[in-house]
Amino acid sequence: MKALTIEPLTRDAFAPFGDVIELQGARQIPINLGTTIRYHDLARIDVTDAGGRAIVNLFRGQPRVLPFEVTMLERHPLGSQAFIPLTDKPYLVVVAAAGELDPEAVRAFVTRGWQGVNYAKGVWHHPLIALDDVSDFIVVDRGGEGHNCDEQALPESLWLTSEGLRGAAG
């Protein structure tokens, strides 16, 4: 069994795969006569290839149980895909760089609950991996014509384990 090391999600560690969507470190702009703070430009939404347009969805993820077997990854070649959690519940993110899928370069991250992710166009990722409870996410991605989802089976399963998750705490 090949276990993935689960890393804490940080902007620097996740940069090769897209954006971490979080308030910490974001540009703040007072608006609405000073009654609201706008956390500005949190992710690079990239969905206009082949006439695409941005769409907003709600995904309700059922919790997964560890150990969890990762057998495939998917990618969206025509646009980015942003996941913004509506609750403060950690979830797992499994990714590999855009281009030809390299199973040896797959990485796993655990969020600190309110952190979102924006997968860059073409980045390989596993579908949503909620933990502990049903979790809701606003998802901003591409709508429109054209093939925008490739799935690829891994030659060997990768495992996410509670031991790996404990190692990422802190």
C-alpha atoms as a PDB file:
ATOM      1  CA  MET A   1       0.000   0.000   0.000  1.00  0.00           C
ATOM      2  CA  LYS A   2       1.427   3.391  -0.993  1.00  0.00           C
ATOM      3  CA  ALA A   3       0.362   6.085   1.489  1.00  0.00           C
ATOM      4  CA  LEU A   4       0.369   9.756   0.557  1.00  0.00           C
ATOM      5  CA  THR A   5       1.909  12.233   2.963  1.00  0.00           C
ATOM      6  CA  ILE A   6      -0.738  14.806   3.854  1.00  0.00           C
ATOM      7  CA  GLU A   7       0.609  18.365   4.085  1.00  0.00           C
ATOM      8  CA  PRO A   8      -0.990  21.458   5.618  1.00  0.00           C
ATOM      9  CA  LEU A   9      -2.498  23.635   2.882  1.00  0.00           C
ATOM     10  CA  THR A  10      -0.472  26.831   2.398  1.00  0.00           C
ATOM     11  CA  ARG A  11      -0.322  29.333  -0.463  1.00  0.00           C
ATOM     12  CA  ASP A  12       3.331  28.546  -1.194  1.00  0.00           C
ATOM     13  CA  ALA A  13       2.937  24.758  -1.176  1.00  0.00           C
ATOM     14  CA  PHE A  14      -0.198  24.873  -3.345  1.00  0.00           C
ATOM     15  CA  ALA A  15       1.026  27.552  -5.828  1.00  0.00           C
ATOM     16  CA  PRO A  16       1.999  25.036  -8.573  1.00  0.00           C
ATOM     17  CA  PHE A  17      -1.626  23.822  -8.631  1.00  0.00           C
ATOM     18  CA  GLY A  18      -3.627  27.063  -8.299  1.00  0.00           C
ATOM     19  CA  ASP A  19      -4.742  29.400  -5.531  1.00  0.00           C
ATOM     20  CA  VAL A  20      -5.554  28.976  -1.854  1.00  0.00           C
ATOM     21  CA  ILE A  21      -8.678  31.002  -1.150  1.00  0.00           C
ATOM     22  CA  GLU A  22      -8.413  32.461   2.352  1.00  0.00           C
ATOM     23  CA  LEU A  23      -8.713  35.792   4.120  1.00  0.00           C
ATOM     24  CA  GLN A  24      -5.282  35.714   5.746  1.00  0.00           C
ATOM     25  CA  GLY A  25      -2.941  37.872   3.682  1.00  0.00           C
ATOM     26  CA  ALA A  26      -5.704  39.083   1.331  1.00  0.00           C
ATOM     27  CA  ARG A  27      -5.991  42.723   0.261  1.00  0.00           C
ATOM     28  CA  GLN A  28      -8.734  44.394   2.317  1.00  0.00           C
ATOM     29  CA  ILE A  29     -10.804  47.273   0.953  1.00  0.00           C
ATOM     30  CA  PRO A  30     -13.431  49.088   3.050  1.00  0.00           C
ATOM     31  CA  ILE A  31     -16.661  49.497   1.011  1.00  0.00           C
ATOM     32  CA  ASN A  32     -20.346  50.367   1.541  1.00  0.00           C
ATOM     33  CA  LEU A  33     -19.643  53.518   3.573  1.00  0.00           C
ATOM     34  CA  GLY A  34     -17.189  51.598   5.747  1.00  0.00           C
ATOM     35  CA  THR A  35     -19.684  48.956   6.890  1.00  0.00           C
ATOM     36  CA  THR A  36     -18.144  46.115   4.879  1.00  0.00           C
ATOM     37  CA  ILE A  37     -14.633  44.830   4.248  1.00  0.00           C
ATOM     38  CA  ARG A  38     -14.010  43.451   0.776  1.00  0.00           C
ATOM     39  CA  TYR A  39     -11.319  40.740   0.677  1.00  0.00           C
ATOM     40  CA  HIS A  40     -10.203  41.441  -2.860  1.00  0.00           C
ATOM     41  CA  ASP A  41      -9.121  39.180  -5.743  1.00  0.00           C
ATOM     42  CA  LEU A  42      -8.862  35.871  -3.860  1.00  0.00           C
ATOM     43  CA  ALA A  43      -8.450  33.598  -6.917  1.00  0.00           C
ATOM     44  CA  ARG A  44      -7.679  33.698 -10.639  1.00  0.00           C
ATOM     45  CA  ILE A  45     -10.864  32.410 -12.253  1.00  0.00           C
ATOM     46  CA  ASP A  46      -9.919  31.233 -15.770  1.00  0.00           C
ATOM     47  CA  VAL A  47     -12.890  29.858 -17.703  1.00  0.00           C
ATOM     48  CA  THR A  48     -13.185  31.680 -21.049  1.00  0.00           C
ATOM     49  CA  ASP A  49     -11.368  29.164 -23.321  1.00  0.00           C
ATOM     50  CA  ALA A  50     -13.542  27.936 -26.222  1.00  0.00           C
ATOM     51  CA  GLY A  51     -16.333  30.389 -25.366  1.00  0.00           C
ATOM     52  CA  GLY A  52     -16.742  29.298 -21.744  1.00  0.00           C
ATOM     53  CA  ARG A  53     -18.412  31.340 -19.025  1.00  0.00           C
ATOM     54  CA  ALA A  54     -18.245  31.350 -15.247  1.00  0.00           C
ATOM     55  CA  ILE A  55     -20.945  29.391 -13.434  1.00  0.00           C
ATOM     56  CA  VAL A  56     -21.647  29.161  -9.704  1.00  0.00           C
ATOM     57  CA  ASN A  57     -22.769  25.855  -8.168  1.00  0.00           C
ATOM     58  CA  LEU A  58     -23.296  24.361  -4.727  1.00  0.00           C
ATOM     59  CA  PHE A  59     -21.653  20.966  -4.151  1.00  0.00           C
ATOM     60  CA  ARG A  60     -22.741  18.930  -1.109  1.00  0.00           C
ATOM     61  CA  GLY A  61     -19.944  16.488  -0.278  1.00  0.00           C
ATOM     62  CA  GLN A  62     -20.621  13.304   1.667  1.00  0.00           C
ATOM     63  CA  PRO A  63     -17.906  12.546   4.232  1.00  0.00           C
ATOM     64  CA  ARG A  64     -15.231  10.031   3.305  1.00  0.00           C
ATOM     65  CA  VAL A  65     -13.751   7.598   5.807  1.00  0.00           C
ATOM     66  CA  LEU A  66     -10.001   7.133   6.248  1.00  0.00           C
ATOM     67  CA  PRO A  67      -8.191   5.140   5.099  1.00  0.00           C
ATOM     68  CA  PHE A  68      -9.387   6.301   1.683  1.00  0.00           C
ATOM     69  CA  GLU A  69      -8.209   4.774  -1.593  1.00  0.00           C
ATOM     70  CA  VAL A  70      -7.310   7.212  -4.385  1.00  0.00           C
ATOM     71  CA  THR A  71      -7.668   5.336  -7.679  1.00  0.00           C
ATOM     72  CA  MET A  72      -8.116   8.189 -10.166  1.00  0.00           C
ATOM     73  CA  LEU A  73      -7.656  11.902 -10.784  1.00  0.00           C
ATOM     74  CA  GLU A  74      -9.497  14.312 -13.054  1.00  0.00           C
ATOM     75  CA  ARG A  75      -8.685  17.617 -14.726  1.00  0.00           C
ATOM     76  CA  HIS A  76     -10.551  20.423 -16.467  1.00  0.00           C
ATOM     77  CA  PRO A  77      -8.521  21.455 -19.536  1.00  0.00           C
ATOM     78  CA  LEU A  78     -10.673  24.466 -20.446  1.00  0.00           C
ATOM     79  CA  GLY A  79     -10.984  26.227 -17.102  1.00  0.00           C
ATOM     80  CA  SER A  80     -10.132  26.617 -13.455  1.00  0.00           C
ATOM     81  CA  GLN A  81     -12.377  25.230 -10.704  1.00  0.00           C
ATOM     82  CA  ALA A  82     -12.732  26.979  -7.326  1.00  0.00           C
ATOM     83  CA  PHE A  83     -14.080  25.291  -4.174  1.00  0.00           C
ATOM     84  CA  ILE A  84     -15.173  27.683  -1.401  1.00  0.00           C
ATOM     85  CA  PRO A  85     -16.353  25.925   1.781  1.00  0.00           C
ATOM     86  CA  LEU A  86     -19.478  27.197   3.531  1.00  0.00           C
ATOM     87  CA  THR A  87     -18.520  25.605   6.852  1.00  0.00           C
ATOM     88  CA  ASP A  88     -15.403  25.480   8.988  1.00  0.00           C
ATOM     89  CA  LYS A  89     -14.717  21.785   8.372  1.00  0.00           C
ATOM     90  CA  PRO A  90     -11.357  20.489   7.137  1.00  0.00           C
ATOM     91  CA  TYR A  91     -11.305  18.544   3.872  1.00  0.00           C
ATOM     92  CA  LEU A  92      -8.586  16.872   1.812  1.00  0.00           C
ATOM     93  CA  VAL A  93      -7.154  18.056  -1.500  1.00  0.00           C
ATOM     94  CA  VAL A  94      -5.227  15.641  -3.752  1.00  0.00           C
ATOM     95  CA  VAL A  95      -3.424  17.145  -6.763  1.00  0.00           C
ATOM     96  CA  ALA A  96      -0.804  16.675  -9.457  1.00  0.00           C
ATOM     97  CA  ALA A  97       0.652  19.202 -11.882  1.00  0.00           C
ATOM     98  CA  ALA A  98      -0.973  20.012 -15.224  1.00  0.00           C
ATOM     99  CA  GLY A  99       0.324  18.128 -18.254  1.00  0.00           C
ATOM    100  CA  GLU A 100       0.899  14.392 -18.460  1.00  0.00           C
ATOM    101  CA  LEU A 101      -0.183  12.802 -15.167  1.00  0.00           C
ATOM    102  CA  ASP A 102       2.818  11.740 -13.076  1.00  0.00           C
ATOM    103  CA  PRO A 103       1.552   9.325 -10.389  1.00  0.00           C
ATOM    104  CA  GLU A 104       4.834   9.735  -8.477  1.00  0.00           C
ATOM    105  CA  ALA A 105       4.216  13.493  -8.090  1.00  0.00           C
ATOM    106  CA  VAL A 106       0.720  13.346  -6.534  1.00  0.00           C
ATOM    107  CA  ARG A 107       0.429  15.473  -3.387  1.00  0.00           C
ATOM    108  CA  ALA A 108      -2.197  15.647  -0.643  1.00  0.00           C
ATOM    109  CA  PHE A 109      -3.168  18.629   1.517  1.00  0.00           C
ATOM    110  CA  VAL A 110      -5.522  19.154   4.446  1.00  0.00           C
ATOM    111  CA  THR A 111      -7.304  22.485   4.778  1.00  0.00           C
ATOM    112  CA  ARG A 112      -7.876  24.452   7.950  1.00  0.00           C
ATOM    113  CA  GLY A 113     -11.627  24.469   7.348  1.00  0.00           C
ATOM    114  CA  TRP A 114     -12.384  27.877   5.863  1.00  0.00           C
ATOM    115  CA  GLN A 115      -9.617  27.652   3.263  1.00  0.00           C
ATOM    116  CA  GLY A 116     -10.803  27.192  -0.298  1.00  0.00           C
ATOM    117  CA  VAL A 117      -8.855  26.099  -3.355  1.00  0.00           C
ATOM    118  CA  ASN A 118      -8.902  27.152  -6.989  1.00  0.00           C
ATOM    119  CA  TYR A 119      -7.489  24.414  -9.210  1.00  0.00           C
ATOM    120  CA  ALA A 120      -5.702  26.017 -12.152  1.00  0.00           C
ATOM    121  CA  LYS A 121      -6.742  24.985 -15.645  1.00  0.00           C
ATOM    122  CA  GLY A 122      -5.490  21.461 -16.427  1.00  0.00           C
ATOM    123  CA  VAL A 123      -4.342  20.592 -12.881  1.00  0.00           C
ATOM    124  CA  TRP A 124      -5.068  16.976 -11.960  1.00  0.00           C
ATOM    125  CA  HIS A 125      -7.132  16.606  -8.786  1.00  0.00           C
ATOM    126  CA  HIS A 126      -9.310  14.133  -6.965  1.00  0.00           C
ATOM    127  CA  PRO A 127     -13.033  14.867  -6.662  1.00  0.00           C
ATOM    128  CA  LEU A 128     -14.130  16.443  -3.375  1.00  0.00           C
ATOM    129  CA  ILE A 129     -12.956  14.627  -0.222  1.00  0.00           C
ATOM    130  CA  ALA A 130     -15.043  15.922   2.695  1.00  0.00           C
ATOM    131  CA  LEU A 131     -14.172  14.631   6.167  1.00  0.00           C
ATOM    132  CA  ASP A 132     -16.315  13.943   9.246  1.00  0.00           C
ATOM    133  CA  ASP A 133     -19.600  15.606   8.141  1.00  0.00           C
ATOM    134  CA  VAL A 134     -21.619  16.480   5.069  1.00  0.00           C
ATOM    135  CA  SER A 135     -19.971  19.665   3.753  1.00  0.00           C
ATOM    136  CA  ASP A 136     -21.269  22.339   1.383  1.00  0.00           C
ATOM    137  CA  PHE A 137     -19.098  24.264  -1.083  1.00  0.00           C
ATOM    138  CA  ILE A 138     -19.745  27.064  -3.537  1.00  0.00           C
ATOM    139  CA  VAL A 139     -17.974  25.979  -6.733  1.00  0.00           C
ATOM    140  CA  VAL A 140     -17.055  28.452  -9.456  1.00  0.00           C
ATOM    141  CA  ASP A 141     -16.113  26.749 -12.685  1.00  0.00           C
ATOM    142  CA  ARG A 142     -16.651  26.739 -16.436  1.00  0.00           C
ATOM    143  CA  GLY A 143     -19.926  26.331 -18.243  1.00  0.00           C
ATOM    144  CA  GLY A 144     -20.274  26.096 -22.011  1.00  0.00           C
ATOM    145  CA  GLU A 145     -19.599  23.852 -24.963  1.00  0.00           C
ATOM    146  CA  GLY A 146     -16.527  21.654 -25.286  1.00  0.00           C
ATOM    147  CA  HIS A 147     -15.009  18.716 -23.461  1.00  0.00           C
ATOM    148  CA  ASN A 148     -13.862  19.962 -20.040  1.00  0.00           C
ATOM    149  CA  CYS A 149     -13.339  16.886 -17.876  1.00  0.00           C
ATOM    150  CA  ASP A 150     -10.685  14.224 -18.326  1.00  0.00           C
ATOM    151  CA  GLU A 151     -10.424  11.317 -15.889  1.00  0.00           C
ATOM    152  CA  GLN A 152      -7.421   9.030 -15.570  1.00  0.00           C
ATOM    153  CA  ALA A 153      -7.015   5.889 -13.485  1.00  0.00           C
ATOM    154  CA  LEU A 154      -3.811   5.619 -11.472  1.00  0.00           C
ATOM    155  CA  PRO A 155      -1.586   2.609 -12.215  1.00  0.00           C
ATOM    156  CA  GLU A 156      -1.370   1.951  -8.460  1.00  0.00           C
ATOM    157  CA  SER A 157      -3.775   3.070  -5.726  1.00  0.00           C
ATOM    158  CA  LEU A 158      -2.649   5.749  -3.299  1.00  0.00           C
ATOM    159  CA  TRP A 159      -3.950   5.805   0.253  1.00  0.00           C
ATOM    160  CA  LEU A 160      -4.938   8.656   2.536  1.00  0.00           C
ATOM    161  CA  THR A 161      -4.670   7.517   6.145  1.00  0.00           C
ATOM    162  CA  SER A 162      -5.484   8.921   9.558  1.00  0.00           C
ATOM    163  CA  GLU A 163      -1.790   8.559  10.432  1.00  0.00           C
ATOM    164  CA  GLY A 164      -0.921  10.850   7.523  1.00  0.00           C
ATOM    165  CA  LEU A 165      -3.604  13.292   8.610  1.00  0.00           C
ATOM    166  CA  ARG A 166      -2.283  13.441  12.174  1.00  0.00           C
ATOM    167  CA  GLY A 167       1.140  14.213  10.747  1.00  0.00           C
ATOM    168  CA  ALA A 168      -0.290  17.281   8.969  1.00  0.00           C
ATOM    169  CA  ALA A 169      -1.872  18.765  12.107  1.00  0.00           C
ATOM    170  CA  GLY A 170      -0.295  21.994  13.229  1.00  0.00           C
END
